[in-house]
């Protein structure tokens, strides 16, 4: 952990650089200093089917779901959320020039007793 999932409406194709968004979000997560580099994942999921608000075809969304392990204070979680939301807002700034875009972020803590992981990346990065 942490894993940041970006769900976005398919009509953003050609209007937003989702790859650049993912890279900017990764940078935002790491800038907090709260998470080990080998644990961070940012992935994007394109949503083909959706219905937004008044269903105008130009309505679009990006929803960010940030799943983290336990052990961070409320202040640290808030700082992480602010860094991620700022990175997303910057990358998606042109979309806010229209009245047809929505951005959201939620942080969820994962119960360690109900989470299994196996990571071969950590040993490589920790050995630097």
C-alpha atoms as a PDB file:
ATOM      1  CA  UNK A   1       0.000   0.000   0.000  1.00  0.00           C
ATOM      2  CA  UNK A   2      -0.786   2.744  -0.951  1.00  0.00           C
ATOM      3  CA  UNK A   3      -2.758   2.132  -4.099  1.00  0.00           C
ATOM      4  CA  UNK A   4      -4.400   4.994  -5.968  1.00  0.00           C
ATOM      5  CA  UNK A   5      -7.075   4.024  -8.474  1.00  0.00           C
ATOM      6  CA  UNK A   6      -8.180   6.593 -11.021  1.00  0.00           C
ATOM      7  CA  UNK A   7     -11.596   5.902 -12.525  1.00  0.00           C
ATOM      8  CA  UNK A   8     -12.464   8.200 -15.407  1.00  0.00           C
ATOM      9  CA  UNK A   9     -15.211   8.617 -17.965  1.00  0.00           C
ATOM     10  CA  UNK A  10     -14.320   7.405 -21.443  1.00  0.00           C
ATOM     11  CA  UNK A  11     -15.252  10.766 -22.945  1.00  0.00           C
ATOM     12  CA  UNK A  12     -12.027  12.190 -21.519  1.00  0.00           C
ATOM     13  CA  UNK A  13     -10.086  10.478 -24.316  1.00  0.00           C
ATOM     14  CA  UNK A  14      -8.421  13.272 -26.258  1.00  0.00           C
ATOM     15  CA  UNK A  15      -9.351  15.809 -23.563  1.00  0.00           C
ATOM     16  CA  UNK A  16      -7.032  14.659 -20.754  1.00  0.00           C
ATOM     17  CA  UNK A  17      -3.647  12.939 -20.688  1.00  0.00           C
ATOM     18  CA  UNK A  18      -4.404  10.116 -18.270  1.00  0.00           C
ATOM     19  CA  UNK A  19      -0.827   8.788 -18.380  1.00  0.00           C
ATOM     20  CA  UNK A  20       0.495  12.218 -17.348  1.00  0.00           C
ATOM     21  CA  UNK A  21      -2.176  12.362 -14.649  1.00  0.00           C
ATOM     22  CA  UNK A  22      -0.966   9.020 -13.237  1.00  0.00           C
ATOM     23  CA  UNK A  23       2.652  10.161 -13.237  1.00  0.00           C
ATOM     24  CA  UNK A  24       1.695  13.444 -11.544  1.00  0.00           C
ATOM     25  CA  UNK A  25      -0.322  11.591  -8.929  1.00  0.00           C
ATOM     26  CA  UNK A  26       2.608   9.263  -8.202  1.00  0.00           C
ATOM     27  CA  UNK A  27       4.827  12.295  -7.723  1.00  0.00           C
ATOM     28  CA  UNK A  28       2.210  13.856  -5.441  1.00  0.00           C
ATOM     29  CA  UNK A  29       1.960  10.724  -3.287  1.00  0.00           C
ATOM     30  CA  UNK A  30       5.739  10.460  -2.958  1.00  0.00           C
ATOM     31  CA  UNK A  31       6.125  14.190  -2.213  1.00  0.00           C
ATOM     32  CA  UNK A  32       4.400  13.661   1.139  1.00  0.00           C
ATOM     33  CA  UNK A  33       7.232  11.473   2.434  1.00  0.00           C
ATOM     34  CA  UNK A  34       4.618   9.233   4.062  1.00  0.00           C
ATOM     35  CA  UNK A  35       4.888   6.213   1.769  1.00  0.00           C
ATOM     36  CA  UNK A  36       7.674   3.897   0.696  1.00  0.00           C
ATOM     37  CA  UNK A  37       8.363   4.175  -3.044  1.00  0.00           C
ATOM     38  CA  UNK A  38       8.193   0.421  -3.664  1.00  0.00           C
ATOM     39  CA  UNK A  39       4.665   0.242  -2.296  1.00  0.00           C
ATOM     40  CA  UNK A  40       3.011   2.982  -4.347  1.00  0.00           C
ATOM     41  CA  UNK A  41       0.739   2.015  -7.249  1.00  0.00           C
ATOM     42  CA  UNK A  42      -1.258   4.363  -9.437  1.00  0.00           C
ATOM     43  CA  UNK A  43      -3.610   2.781 -11.934  1.00  0.00           C
ATOM     44  CA  UNK A  44      -6.293   4.148 -14.227  1.00  0.00           C
ATOM     45  CA  UNK A  45      -9.545   2.454 -15.156  1.00  0.00           C
ATOM     46  CA  UNK A  46     -11.478   3.799 -18.130  1.00  0.00           C
ATOM     47  CA  UNK A  47     -15.238   3.643 -17.576  1.00  0.00           C
ATOM     48  CA  UNK A  48     -17.137   2.942 -20.766  1.00  0.00           C
ATOM     49  CA  UNK A  49     -20.579   3.072 -19.192  1.00  0.00           C
ATOM     50  CA  UNK A  50     -21.672   5.893 -16.904  1.00  0.00           C
ATOM     51  CA  UNK A  51     -24.463   8.387 -16.320  1.00  0.00           C
ATOM     52  CA  UNK A  52     -23.516  11.791 -14.921  1.00  0.00           C
ATOM     53  CA  UNK A  53     -25.870  14.419 -13.511  1.00  0.00           C
ATOM     54  CA  UNK A  54     -28.165  15.714 -16.270  1.00  0.00           C
ATOM     55  CA  UNK A  55     -26.655  13.233 -18.748  1.00  0.00           C
ATOM     56  CA  UNK A  56     -25.220  15.789 -21.145  1.00  0.00           C
ATOM     57  CA  UNK A  57     -22.716  13.957 -23.356  1.00  0.00           C
ATOM     58  CA  UNK A  58     -19.911  16.363 -22.436  1.00  0.00           C
ATOM     59  CA  UNK A  59     -20.223  15.660 -18.689  1.00  0.00           C
ATOM     60  CA  UNK A  60     -17.069  13.909 -17.476  1.00  0.00           C
ATOM     61  CA  UNK A  61     -15.508  12.711 -14.241  1.00  0.00           C
ATOM     62  CA  UNK A  62     -12.340  11.535 -12.543  1.00  0.00           C
ATOM     63  CA  UNK A  63     -12.768   9.687  -9.255  1.00  0.00           C
ATOM     64  CA  UNK A  64      -9.689   8.961  -7.126  1.00  0.00           C
ATOM     65  CA  UNK A  65      -9.779   6.121  -4.602  1.00  0.00           C
ATOM     66  CA  UNK A  66      -6.664   6.099  -2.395  1.00  0.00           C
ATOM     67  CA  UNK A  67      -6.280   2.937  -0.299  1.00  0.00           C
ATOM     68  CA  UNK A  68      -3.658   3.060   2.437  1.00  0.00           C
ATOM     69  CA  UNK A  69      -2.515   0.924   5.338  1.00  0.00           C
ATOM     70  CA  UNK A  70      -3.185   1.956   8.910  1.00  0.00           C
ATOM     71  CA  UNK A  71      -0.784   3.894  11.090  1.00  0.00           C
ATOM     72  CA  UNK A  72      -0.978   7.472   9.858  1.00  0.00           C
ATOM     73  CA  UNK A  73      -2.409  10.331  11.869  1.00  0.00           C
ATOM     74  CA  UNK A  74      -5.468  12.269  10.681  1.00  0.00           C
ATOM     75  CA  UNK A  75      -3.154  15.189   9.893  1.00  0.00           C
ATOM     76  CA  UNK A  76      -0.893  12.981   7.763  1.00  0.00           C
ATOM     77  CA  UNK A  77      -3.867  11.542   5.878  1.00  0.00           C
ATOM     78  CA  UNK A  78      -5.204  15.040   5.270  1.00  0.00           C
ATOM     79  CA  UNK A  79      -1.783  16.193   4.031  1.00  0.00           C
ATOM     80  CA  UNK A  80      -1.650  13.230   1.642  1.00  0.00           C
ATOM     81  CA  UNK A  81      -5.151  13.968   0.379  1.00  0.00           C
ATOM     82  CA  UNK A  82      -4.329  17.611  -0.201  1.00  0.00           C
ATOM     83  CA  UNK A  83      -1.150  16.724  -2.138  1.00  0.00           C
ATOM     84  CA  UNK A  84      -2.997  14.207  -4.314  1.00  0.00           C
ATOM     85  CA  UNK A  85      -5.949  16.506  -4.952  1.00  0.00           C
ATOM     86  CA  UNK A  86      -3.610  19.376  -5.860  1.00  0.00           C
ATOM     87  CA  UNK A  87      -1.702  17.166  -8.313  1.00  0.00           C
ATOM     88  CA  UNK A  88      -4.954  16.011  -9.928  1.00  0.00           C
ATOM     89  CA  UNK A  89      -6.362  19.538 -10.066  1.00  0.00           C
ATOM     90  CA  UNK A  90      -3.207  20.799 -11.758  1.00  0.00           C
ATOM     91  CA  UNK A  91      -3.127  17.989 -14.335  1.00  0.00           C
ATOM     92  CA  UNK A  92      -6.821  18.389 -15.108  1.00  0.00           C
ATOM     93  CA  UNK A  93      -7.013  22.209 -14.896  1.00  0.00           C
ATOM     94  CA  UNK A  94      -8.314  22.756 -18.459  1.00  0.00           C
ATOM     95  CA  UNK A  95     -11.342  20.572 -17.719  1.00  0.00           C
ATOM     96  CA  UNK A  96     -12.453  22.961 -14.981  1.00  0.00           C
ATOM     97  CA  UNK A  97     -12.831  25.688 -17.608  1.00  0.00           C
ATOM     98  CA  UNK A  98     -16.061  23.966 -18.650  1.00  0.00           C
ATOM     99  CA  UNK A  99     -19.193  23.397 -16.541  1.00  0.00           C
ATOM    100  CA  UNK A 100     -19.074  19.663 -17.304  1.00  0.00           C
ATOM    101  CA  UNK A 101     -16.350  18.136 -15.127  1.00  0.00           C
ATOM    102  CA  UNK A 102     -16.249  16.603 -11.637  1.00  0.00           C
ATOM    103  CA  UNK A 103     -13.199  15.479  -9.641  1.00  0.00           C
ATOM    104  CA  UNK A 104     -13.409  13.528  -6.389  1.00  0.00           C
ATOM    105  CA  UNK A 105     -10.996  11.827  -3.983  1.00  0.00           C
ATOM    106  CA  UNK A 106     -11.567   9.462  -1.077  1.00  0.00           C
ATOM    107  CA  UNK A 107      -8.977   7.944   1.252  1.00  0.00           C
ATOM    108  CA  UNK A 108      -9.683   4.494   2.682  1.00  0.00           C
ATOM    109  CA  UNK A 109      -7.691   2.663   5.329  1.00  0.00           C
ATOM    110  CA  UNK A 110      -7.203  -1.055   4.833  1.00  0.00           C
ATOM    111  CA  UNK A 111      -7.631  -3.436   7.767  1.00  0.00           C
ATOM    112  CA  UNK A 112      -4.221  -5.164   8.071  1.00  0.00           C
ATOM    113  CA  UNK A 113      -5.850  -8.420   9.201  1.00  0.00           C
ATOM    114  CA  UNK A 114      -7.760  -8.563   5.928  1.00  0.00           C
ATOM    115  CA  UNK A 115      -4.993  -7.621   3.516  1.00  0.00           C
ATOM    116  CA  UNK A 116      -2.398  -9.939   1.973  1.00  0.00           C
ATOM    117  CA  UNK A 117       0.666  -8.735   0.057  1.00  0.00           C
ATOM    118  CA  UNK A 118       3.762 -10.142  -1.559  1.00  0.00           C
ATOM    119  CA  UNK A 119       6.183  -7.603  -3.025  1.00  0.00           C
ATOM    120  CA  UNK A 120       9.463  -8.360  -4.771  1.00  0.00           C
ATOM    121  CA  UNK A 121      10.012  -4.659  -5.529  1.00  0.00           C
ATOM    122  CA  UNK A 122      10.724  -3.643  -1.913  1.00  0.00           C
ATOM    123  CA  UNK A 123      13.990  -5.599  -1.545  1.00  0.00           C
ATOM    124  CA  UNK A 124      15.342  -4.122  -4.782  1.00  0.00           C
ATOM    125  CA  UNK A 125      14.524  -0.527  -3.847  1.00  0.00           C
ATOM    126  CA  UNK A 126      15.541  -0.879  -0.219  1.00  0.00           C
ATOM    127  CA  UNK A 127      18.967  -2.120  -1.356  1.00  0.00           C
ATOM    128  CA  UNK A 128      19.822   1.183  -3.024  1.00  0.00           C
END
